[in-house]
Amino acid sequence: MNTITRESFAAYKALNPHDARLQALTLEELFEKTGGRSVNYDNISYASKPQAMLGASSWDCGLGIGYVVFDCVCLFLGAVSLRSALTADAAEEIAEAAKPVANQLTKYVETLASAESSKTEVATAVFGVISTIYSGSCLGAVISAFLGSLSWYNAVLYGATALGTIMAAVATDGAAEIGIIIIELATAGFLISDSIKCEQACS
């Protein structure tokens, strides 16, 4: 679901109750400013240029968590192509946003990094990462960090759309979403690589 709904827009506003500008925004005004309700994750950009992949020895546990969480969000939203745009700065922002649940995420990183994990186990771990962020009330901060340097109106559009996708998935047992993630894994070798480096940095 790469389109915003009235429900996901309301949920996004509820996630940011102290943002007066957002609270005053109507869905109609948002459509007028963004040209519609569809989103294309390829349009997300980051303030600094993509940096070379860091070697495992250059990572600390927090940065590793940031990369893995970003990878999982990409897979969850069907935005795999966005992974190549990730910078260490953006990963650090995401790590900070996910910090309250970082300890809980390490068990999923172990599954993601293990050569013995099946595709279903890996996809279930991706779902677990997102569900943990959601239940730990970190989702708003993670989405904000994920959106990079989009303009304010586009950040609202993309943020509310992403929130709607995640809320719809975690409200179920995740079976449908896990099936989609399994398919996405074919083009997501970065997830395993990042998870292995993250596990090494956290151990």
Protein backbone atom coordinates (compact mmCIF):
# COMPACT_ATOMS: atom_id res chain seq x y z
CA MET A 1 0.00 0.00 0.00
CA ASN A 2 1.90 3.03 -1.28
CA THR A 3 -0.99 5.44 -0.93
CA ILE A 4 -2.06 7.53 2.03
CA THR A 5 -5.49 7.02 3.60
CA ARG A 6 -7.54 9.26 5.84
CA GLU A 7 -6.97 6.74 8.65
CA SER A 8 -3.19 6.65 8.28
CA PHE A 9 -3.09 10.45 8.08
CA ALA A 10 -5.06 10.70 11.34
CA ALA A 11 -2.77 8.13 12.96
CA TYR A 12 0.31 10.07 11.86
CA LYS A 13 -1.09 13.26 13.36
CA ALA A 14 -1.85 11.39 16.58
CA LEU A 15 1.77 10.22 16.67
CA ASN A 16 2.94 13.84 16.63
CA PRO A 17 0.51 15.69 18.95
CA HIS A 18 2.85 18.61 19.69
CA ASP A 19 3.45 19.53 16.05
CA ALA A 20 1.07 22.49 15.64
CA ARG A 21 1.73 22.81 11.91
CA LEU A 22 0.89 19.16 11.34
CA GLN A 23 -2.22 19.33 13.51
CA ALA A 24 -3.52 22.24 11.41
CA LEU A 25 -2.89 20.44 8.12
CA THR A 26 -5.85 18.89 6.30
CA LEU A 27 -5.61 15.89 3.99
CA GLU A 28 -6.96 18.01 1.14
CA GLU A 29 -4.24 20.62 1.64
CA LEU A 30 -1.63 17.85 1.73
CA PHE A 31 -2.86 16.49 -1.61
CA GLU A 32 -2.77 19.98 -3.07
CA LYS A 33 0.83 20.52 -1.95
CA THR A 34 2.12 17.09 -3.01
CA GLY A 35 0.13 16.48 -6.17
CA GLY A 36 -1.69 13.40 -5.00
CA ARG A 37 -1.69 10.48 -2.63
CA SER A 38 0.82 8.08 -4.22
CA VAL A 39 4.41 7.83 -3.03
CA ASN A 40 7.59 6.69 -4.72
CA TYR A 41 10.28 5.71 -2.22
CA ASP A 42 12.95 6.28 -4.87
CA ASN A 43 12.32 10.01 -4.36
CA ILE A 44 13.70 9.99 -0.81
CA SER A 45 17.13 11.60 -0.57
CA TYR A 46 19.67 12.22 2.14
CA ALA A 47 21.53 15.40 2.95
CA SER A 48 24.99 13.97 2.41
CA LYS A 49 26.23 11.78 -0.41
CA PRO A 50 26.20 7.99 0.02
CA GLN A 51 29.33 6.81 1.78
CA ALA A 52 31.30 3.67 1.16
CA MET A 53 30.19 0.69 3.19
CA LEU A 54 31.97 0.69 6.51
CA GLY A 55 33.98 -2.37 7.45
CA ALA A 56 32.79 -4.30 10.47
CA SER A 57 35.72 -2.98 12.49
CA SER A 58 34.44 0.58 11.95
CA TRP A 59 30.99 -0.15 13.37
CA ASP A 60 29.78 0.12 16.90
CA CYS A 61 26.69 -1.75 18.00
CA GLY A 62 24.43 1.29 17.74
CA LEU A 63 25.43 2.08 14.17
CA GLY A 64 24.93 -1.57 13.24
CA ILE A 65 21.41 -1.50 14.69
CA GLY A 66 20.74 1.64 12.64
CA TYR A 67 21.74 -0.09 9.41
CA VAL A 68 19.71 -3.21 10.18
CA VAL A 69 16.61 -1.23 11.15
CA PHE A 70 16.89 0.81 7.94
CA ASP A 71 17.22 -2.40 5.92
CA CYS A 72 14.12 -3.83 7.59
CA VAL A 73 12.10 -0.68 6.94
CA CYS A 74 13.16 -0.80 3.27
CA LEU A 75 12.01 -4.40 2.98
CA PHE A 76 8.79 -3.75 4.85
CA LEU A 77 7.83 -0.83 2.60
CA GLY A 78 9.02 -2.39 -0.66
CA ALA A 79 11.72 0.27 -0.95
CA VAL A 80 14.75 -1.98 -1.47
CA SER A 81 16.27 0.37 -4.05
CA LEU A 82 16.57 3.04 -1.37
CA ARG A 83 19.25 1.05 0.50
CA SER A 84 21.99 2.32 -1.81
CA ALA A 85 21.28 5.90 -0.66
CA LEU A 86 21.83 5.22 3.05
CA THR A 87 24.58 7.22 4.74
CA ALA A 88 26.26 6.56 8.07
CA ASP A 89 24.72 9.81 9.34
CA ALA A 90 21.21 8.59 8.51
CA ALA A 91 21.98 5.20 10.08
CA GLU A 92 23.06 6.95 13.27
CA GLU A 93 19.79 8.93 13.37
CA ILE A 94 17.80 5.74 12.95
CA ALA A 95 19.88 4.00 15.63
CA GLU A 96 19.15 6.86 18.04
CA ALA A 97 15.43 6.64 17.22
CA ALA A 98 15.41 2.88 17.88
CA LYS A 99 17.61 3.10 20.99
CA PRO A 100 14.80 2.40 23.51
CA VAL A 101 14.28 -1.07 22.00
CA ALA A 102 17.85 -1.80 20.80
CA ASN A 103 18.39 -4.60 23.32
CA GLN A 104 15.22 -6.33 22.15
CA LEU A 105 16.33 -6.08 18.53
CA THR A 106 19.58 -8.01 19.03
CA LYS A 107 17.75 -11.37 19.10
CA TYR A 108 16.40 -10.63 15.61
CA VAL A 109 19.84 -9.57 14.41
CA GLU A 110 21.15 -12.99 15.51
CA THR A 111 18.53 -14.70 13.35
CA LEU A 112 19.21 -12.40 10.40
CA ALA A 113 22.97 -13.01 10.64
CA SER A 114 22.79 -16.78 10.99
CA ALA A 115 23.66 -18.85 7.91
CA GLU A 116 21.31 -21.52 9.28
CA SER A 117 18.22 -19.29 9.19
CA SER A 118 15.65 -20.11 6.52
CA LYS A 119 14.08 -17.39 4.37
CA THR A 120 10.92 -17.68 6.43
CA GLU A 121 12.89 -17.20 9.65
CA VAL A 122 14.69 -14.18 8.19
CA ALA A 123 11.43 -12.64 6.98
CA THR A 124 9.83 -13.31 10.38
CA ALA A 125 12.78 -11.58 12.06
CA VAL A 126 12.31 -8.53 9.79
CA PHE A 127 8.67 -8.46 10.85
CA GLY A 128 9.82 -8.79 14.47
CA VAL A 129 12.13 -5.78 14.15
CA ILE A 130 9.32 -3.59 12.82
CA SER A 131 6.79 -4.90 15.34
CA THR A 132 9.19 -4.22 18.21
CA ILE A 133 9.80 -0.67 17.03
CA TYR A 134 6.05 -0.16 16.75
CA SER A 135 5.19 -1.62 20.16
CA GLY A 136 8.11 0.26 21.74
CA SER A 137 6.67 3.61 20.61
CA CYS A 138 9.74 4.30 18.47
CA LEU A 139 7.99 4.19 15.12
CA GLY A 140 7.44 7.93 14.75
CA ALA A 141 11.10 8.74 15.36
CA VAL A 142 12.30 5.92 13.09
CA ILE A 143 10.03 7.03 10.24
CA SER A 144 11.18 10.64 10.63
CA ALA A 145 14.82 9.54 10.40
CA PHE A 146 14.01 7.22 7.48
CA LEU A 147 12.51 10.05 5.44
CA GLY A 148 15.83 11.83 5.06
CA SER A 149 15.66 15.32 3.58
CA LEU A 150 12.22 15.31 1.97
CA SER A 151 10.33 18.59 1.95
CA TRP A 152 7.92 19.01 4.88
CA TYR A 153 4.75 18.20 2.94
CA ASN A 154 6.31 15.18 1.24
CA ALA A 155 7.67 13.98 4.59
CA VAL A 156 4.10 14.04 5.95
CA LEU A 157 2.77 12.22 2.89
CA TYR A 158 5.45 9.54 3.02
CA GLY A 159 5.40 9.29 6.80
CA ALA A 160 1.66 8.76 7.01
CA THR A 161 1.75 6.27 4.13
CA ALA A 162 4.58 4.28 5.75
CA LEU A 163 2.77 4.34 9.08
CA GLY A 164 -0.40 3.03 7.44
CA THR A 165 1.50 0.16 5.82
CA ILE A 166 3.17 -0.81 9.09
CA MET A 167 0.02 -0.46 11.20
CA ALA A 168 -1.97 -2.62 8.80
CA ALA A 169 0.69 -5.34 8.91
CA VAL A 170 1.27 -5.43 12.68
CA ALA A 171 -2.48 -5.55 13.31
CA THR A 172 -2.42 -9.05 11.80
CA ASP A 173 -0.33 -12.13 12.50
CA GLY A 174 2.06 -10.88 9.83
CA ALA A 175 1.67 -13.89 7.55
CA ALA A 176 0.87 -11.87 4.42
CA GLU A 177 3.66 -9.36 5.04
CA ILE A 178 6.18 -12.13 5.79
CA GLY A 179 5.29 -13.71 2.44
CA ILE A 180 6.00 -10.42 0.66
CA ILE A 181 9.28 -9.98 2.53
CA ILE A 182 10.41 -13.48 1.50
CA ILE A 183 10.07 -12.40 -2.14
CA GLU A 184 11.92 -9.13 -1.47
CA LEU A 185 14.82 -11.02 0.12
CA ALA A 186 16.02 -12.08 -3.32
CA THR A 187 17.28 -8.52 -3.88
CA ALA A 188 18.24 -7.74 -0.31
CA GLY A 189 21.66 -9.30 0.26
CA PHE A 190 22.59 -6.11 2.10
CA LEU A 191 20.36 -7.17 5.01
CA ILE A 192 22.38 -10.30 5.73
CA SER A 193 25.71 -8.50 5.28
CA ASP A 194 24.67 -5.66 7.59
CA SER A 195 23.27 -8.09 10.16
CA ILE A 196 26.52 -10.06 10.30
CA LYS A 197 28.52 -6.85 10.84
CA CYS A 198 26.02 -5.68 13.43
CA GLU A 199 26.23 -8.95 15.34
CA GLN A 200 30.04 -8.77 15.33
CA ALA A 201 29.93 -5.18 16.60
CA CYS A 202 27.42 -6.00 19.35
CA SER A 203 29.12 -9.16 20.60
